[in-house]
Amino acid sequence: MENVVRPKMPPAQRAKQFMPFAAVKGLEEALALQEIERQEKVEPDAGVVEAINRALTRLSVGEQVQVCYFCKGSYTQAVGSVTAINEHRQYLEVDGARVYFEDIRSIGTKAAR
């Protein structure tokens, strides 16, 4: 076998070998989401609980609502049509978002347009 001497690689090409790359696509974004400051869940007083319960009893599938609720360490909002109400498991779904009754901070119905 012959010894073949290859030309030296230019420094710019050699540096590319050691540049960082994303082995797992989306990992940086997922880690950034975890860095979001967590909020404490606020327990509503009796008057707020009563108002939420009244609103839930009048709610029906297909109705437009705006719900503020606690989910995964922060408060978020769901706006849209009620697609399901499960009284046994105590949740409602608003355009695919499952909202448990105990996590609701406020709820309001929207007039149909």
C-alpha atoms as a PDB file:
ATOM      1  CA  MET A   1       0.000   0.000   0.000  1.00  0.00           C
ATOM      2  CA  GLU A   2       1.168   3.434  -0.862  1.00  0.00           C
ATOM      3  CA  ASN A   3       1.232   6.305   1.573  1.00  0.00           C
ATOM      4  CA  VAL A   4      -0.908   9.027   0.071  1.00  0.00           C
ATOM      5  CA  VAL A   5      -0.322  12.465   1.475  1.00  0.00           C
ATOM      6  CA  ARG A   6      -3.419  14.608   1.351  1.00  0.00           C
ATOM      7  CA  PRO A   7      -3.222  18.365   1.226  1.00  0.00           C
ATOM      8  CA  LYS A   8      -3.848  20.168   4.507  1.00  0.00           C
ATOM      9  CA  MET A   9      -7.397  21.271   5.135  1.00  0.00           C
ATOM     10  CA  PRO A  10      -7.860  25.052   5.145  1.00  0.00           C
ATOM     11  CA  PRO A  11      -8.386  26.444   8.708  1.00  0.00           C
ATOM     12  CA  ALA A  12     -11.917  27.667   7.881  1.00  0.00           C
ATOM     13  CA  GLN A  13     -12.980  24.173   6.808  1.00  0.00           C
ATOM     14  CA  ARG A  14     -11.348  22.591   9.835  1.00  0.00           C
ATOM     15  CA  ALA A  15     -13.192  24.952  12.201  1.00  0.00           C
ATOM     16  CA  LYS A  16     -16.548  23.858  10.721  1.00  0.00           C
ATOM     17  CA  GLN A  17     -15.992  20.380  12.105  1.00  0.00           C
ATOM     18  CA  PHE A  18     -16.256  21.682  15.637  1.00  0.00           C
ATOM     19  CA  MET A  19     -19.175  24.081  15.247  1.00  0.00           C
ATOM     20  CA  PRO A  20     -22.212  23.353  17.426  1.00  0.00           C
ATOM     21  CA  PHE A  21     -25.249  21.753  15.865  1.00  0.00           C
ATOM     22  CA  ALA A  22     -28.762  20.994  17.050  1.00  0.00           C
ATOM     23  CA  ALA A  23     -28.839  17.258  17.665  1.00  0.00           C
ATOM     24  CA  VAL A  24     -32.459  17.458  18.792  1.00  0.00           C
ATOM     25  CA  LYS A  25     -34.542  19.881  16.774  1.00  0.00           C
ATOM     26  CA  GLY A  26     -36.664  22.151  18.981  1.00  0.00           C
ATOM     27  CA  LEU A  27     -34.748  21.418  22.185  1.00  0.00           C
ATOM     28  CA  GLU A  28     -33.640  25.033  22.604  1.00  0.00           C
ATOM     29  CA  GLU A  29     -37.246  26.262  22.336  1.00  0.00           C
ATOM     30  CA  ALA A  30     -38.507  23.633  24.785  1.00  0.00           C
ATOM     31  CA  LEU A  31     -35.854  24.597  27.320  1.00  0.00           C
ATOM     32  CA  ALA A  32     -36.714  28.278  26.903  1.00  0.00           C
ATOM     33  CA  LEU A  33     -40.368  27.508  27.673  1.00  0.00           C
ATOM     34  CA  GLN A  34     -39.344  25.815  30.912  1.00  0.00           C
ATOM     35  CA  GLU A  35     -37.553  28.968  31.991  1.00  0.00           C
ATOM     36  CA  ILE A  36     -40.818  30.915  32.075  1.00  0.00           C
ATOM     37  CA  GLU A  37     -41.510  32.085  35.588  1.00  0.00           C
ATOM     38  CA  ARG A  38     -44.046  29.889  37.355  1.00  0.00           C
ATOM     39  CA  GLN A  39     -47.068  31.413  39.065  1.00  0.00           C
ATOM     40  CA  GLU A  40     -48.795  30.224  42.205  1.00  0.00           C
ATOM     41  CA  LYS A  41     -52.382  29.072  41.874  1.00  0.00           C
ATOM     42  CA  VAL A  42     -54.702  31.539  43.605  1.00  0.00           C
ATOM     43  CA  GLU A  43     -57.572  30.012  45.558  1.00  0.00           C
ATOM     44  CA  PRO A  44     -60.689  32.088  44.810  1.00  0.00           C
ATOM     45  CA  ASP A  45     -62.932  33.297  47.616  1.00  0.00           C
ATOM     46  CA  ALA A  46     -66.451  31.919  48.148  1.00  0.00           C
ATOM     47  CA  GLY A  47     -68.124  34.669  46.094  1.00  0.00           C
ATOM     48  CA  VAL A  48     -65.975  33.965  43.031  1.00  0.00           C
ATOM     49  CA  VAL A  49     -66.539  30.202  43.369  1.00  0.00           C
ATOM     50  CA  GLU A  50     -70.303  30.795  43.523  1.00  0.00           C
ATOM     51  CA  ALA A  51     -70.203  32.978  40.380  1.00  0.00           C
ATOM     52  CA  ILE A  52     -68.167  30.350  38.507  1.00  0.00           C
ATOM     53  CA  ASN A  53     -70.575  27.585  39.579  1.00  0.00           C
ATOM     54  CA  ARG A  54     -73.582  29.645  38.401  1.00  0.00           C
ATOM     55  CA  ALA A  55     -71.918  30.232  35.029  1.00  0.00           C
ATOM     56  CA  LEU A  56     -71.065  26.537  34.662  1.00  0.00           C
ATOM     57  CA  THR A  57     -74.637  25.412  35.375  1.00  0.00           C
ATOM     58  CA  ARG A  58     -75.975  27.704  32.617  1.00  0.00           C
ATOM     59  CA  LEU A  59     -73.315  26.666  30.095  1.00  0.00           C
ATOM     60  CA  SER A  60     -74.161  24.477  27.101  1.00  0.00           C
ATOM     61  CA  VAL A  61     -72.213  22.829  24.283  1.00  0.00           C
ATOM     62  CA  GLY A  62     -71.735  25.170  21.345  1.00  0.00           C
ATOM     63  CA  GLU A  63     -71.820  28.330  23.446  1.00  0.00           C
ATOM     64  CA  GLN A  64     -69.026  30.890  23.033  1.00  0.00           C
ATOM     65  CA  VAL A  65     -66.969  31.422  26.206  1.00  0.00           C
ATOM     66  CA  GLN A  66     -63.850  33.065  27.528  1.00  0.00           C
ATOM     67  CA  VAL A  67     -62.195  31.124  30.371  1.00  0.00           C
ATOM     68  CA  CYS A  68     -59.162  32.113  32.445  1.00  0.00           C
ATOM     69  CA  TYR A  69     -57.679  29.026  34.104  1.00  0.00           C
ATOM     70  CA  PHE A  70     -54.556  27.641  35.762  1.00  0.00           C
ATOM     71  CA  CYS A  71     -52.525  25.209  33.658  1.00  0.00           C
ATOM     72  CA  LYS A  72     -48.948  23.933  34.032  1.00  0.00           C
ATOM     73  CA  GLY A  73     -47.728  26.622  36.403  1.00  0.00           C
ATOM     74  CA  SER A  74     -49.374  29.714  34.928  1.00  0.00           C
ATOM     75  CA  TYR A  75     -52.717  31.254  34.069  1.00  0.00           C
ATOM     76  CA  THR A  76     -53.895  31.065  30.481  1.00  0.00           C
ATOM     77  CA  GLN A  77     -57.049  31.859  28.520  1.00  0.00           C
ATOM     78  CA  ALA A  78     -59.225  29.795  26.249  1.00  0.00           C
ATOM     79  CA  VAL A  79     -61.647  31.601  23.962  1.00  0.00           C
ATOM     80  CA  GLY A  80     -64.049  29.799  21.688  1.00  0.00           C
ATOM     81  CA  SER A  81     -66.887  27.294  21.519  1.00  0.00           C
ATOM     82  CA  VAL A  82     -67.602  24.808  24.279  1.00  0.00           C
ATOM     83  CA  THR A  83     -67.112  21.428  22.585  1.00  0.00           C
ATOM     84  CA  ALA A  84     -67.778  19.187  25.615  1.00  0.00           C
ATOM     85  CA  ILE A  85     -68.915  19.358  29.235  1.00  0.00           C
ATOM     86  CA  ASN A  86     -68.167  16.405  31.508  1.00  0.00           C
ATOM     87  CA  GLU A  87     -69.869  16.931  34.860  1.00  0.00           C
ATOM     88  CA  HIS A  88     -68.727  13.553  36.206  1.00  0.00           C
ATOM     89  CA  ARG A  89     -65.017  14.270  35.645  1.00  0.00           C
ATOM     90  CA  GLN A  90     -65.595  18.008  36.163  1.00  0.00           C
ATOM     91  CA  TYR A  91     -64.101  19.553  33.065  1.00  0.00           C
ATOM     92  CA  LEU A  92     -65.155  21.359  29.940  1.00  0.00           C
ATOM     93  CA  GLU A  93     -63.462  21.598  26.586  1.00  0.00           C
ATOM     94  CA  VAL A  94     -63.132  24.861  24.716  1.00  0.00           C
ATOM     95  CA  ASP A  95     -62.014  24.289  21.135  1.00  0.00           C
ATOM     96  CA  GLY A  96     -59.918  21.298  22.213  1.00  0.00           C
ATOM     97  CA  ALA A  97     -58.465  22.791  25.421  1.00  0.00           C
ATOM     98  CA  ARG A  98     -59.515  20.759  28.482  1.00  0.00           C
ATOM     99  CA  VAL A  99     -60.288  23.022  31.434  1.00  0.00           C
ATOM    100  CA  TYR A 100     -60.957  21.461  34.832  1.00  0.00           C
ATOM    101  CA  PHE A 101     -63.602  23.213  36.937  1.00  0.00           C
ATOM    102  CA  GLU A 102     -61.253  23.525  39.933  1.00  0.00           C
ATOM    103  CA  ASP A 103     -58.677  25.427  37.817  1.00  0.00           C
ATOM    104  CA  ILE A 104     -61.088  28.106  36.535  1.00  0.00           C
ATOM    105  CA  ARG A 105     -60.352  31.600  37.761  1.00  0.00           C
ATOM    106  CA  SER A 106     -63.042  33.359  35.713  1.00  0.00           C
ATOM    107  CA  ILE A 107     -65.513  32.452  33.011  1.00  0.00           C
ATOM    108  CA  GLY A 108     -67.739  34.537  30.795  1.00  0.00           C
ATOM    109  CA  THR A 109     -70.030  33.864  27.894  1.00  0.00           C
ATOM    110  CA  LYS A 110     -69.731  35.793  24.677  1.00  0.00           C
ATOM    111  CA  ALA A 111     -72.685  36.883  22.582  1.00  0.00           C
ATOM    112  CA  ALA A 112     -72.999  35.026  19.286  1.00  0.00           C
ATOM    113  CA  ARG A 113     -72.044  37.094  16.263  1.00  0.00           C
END
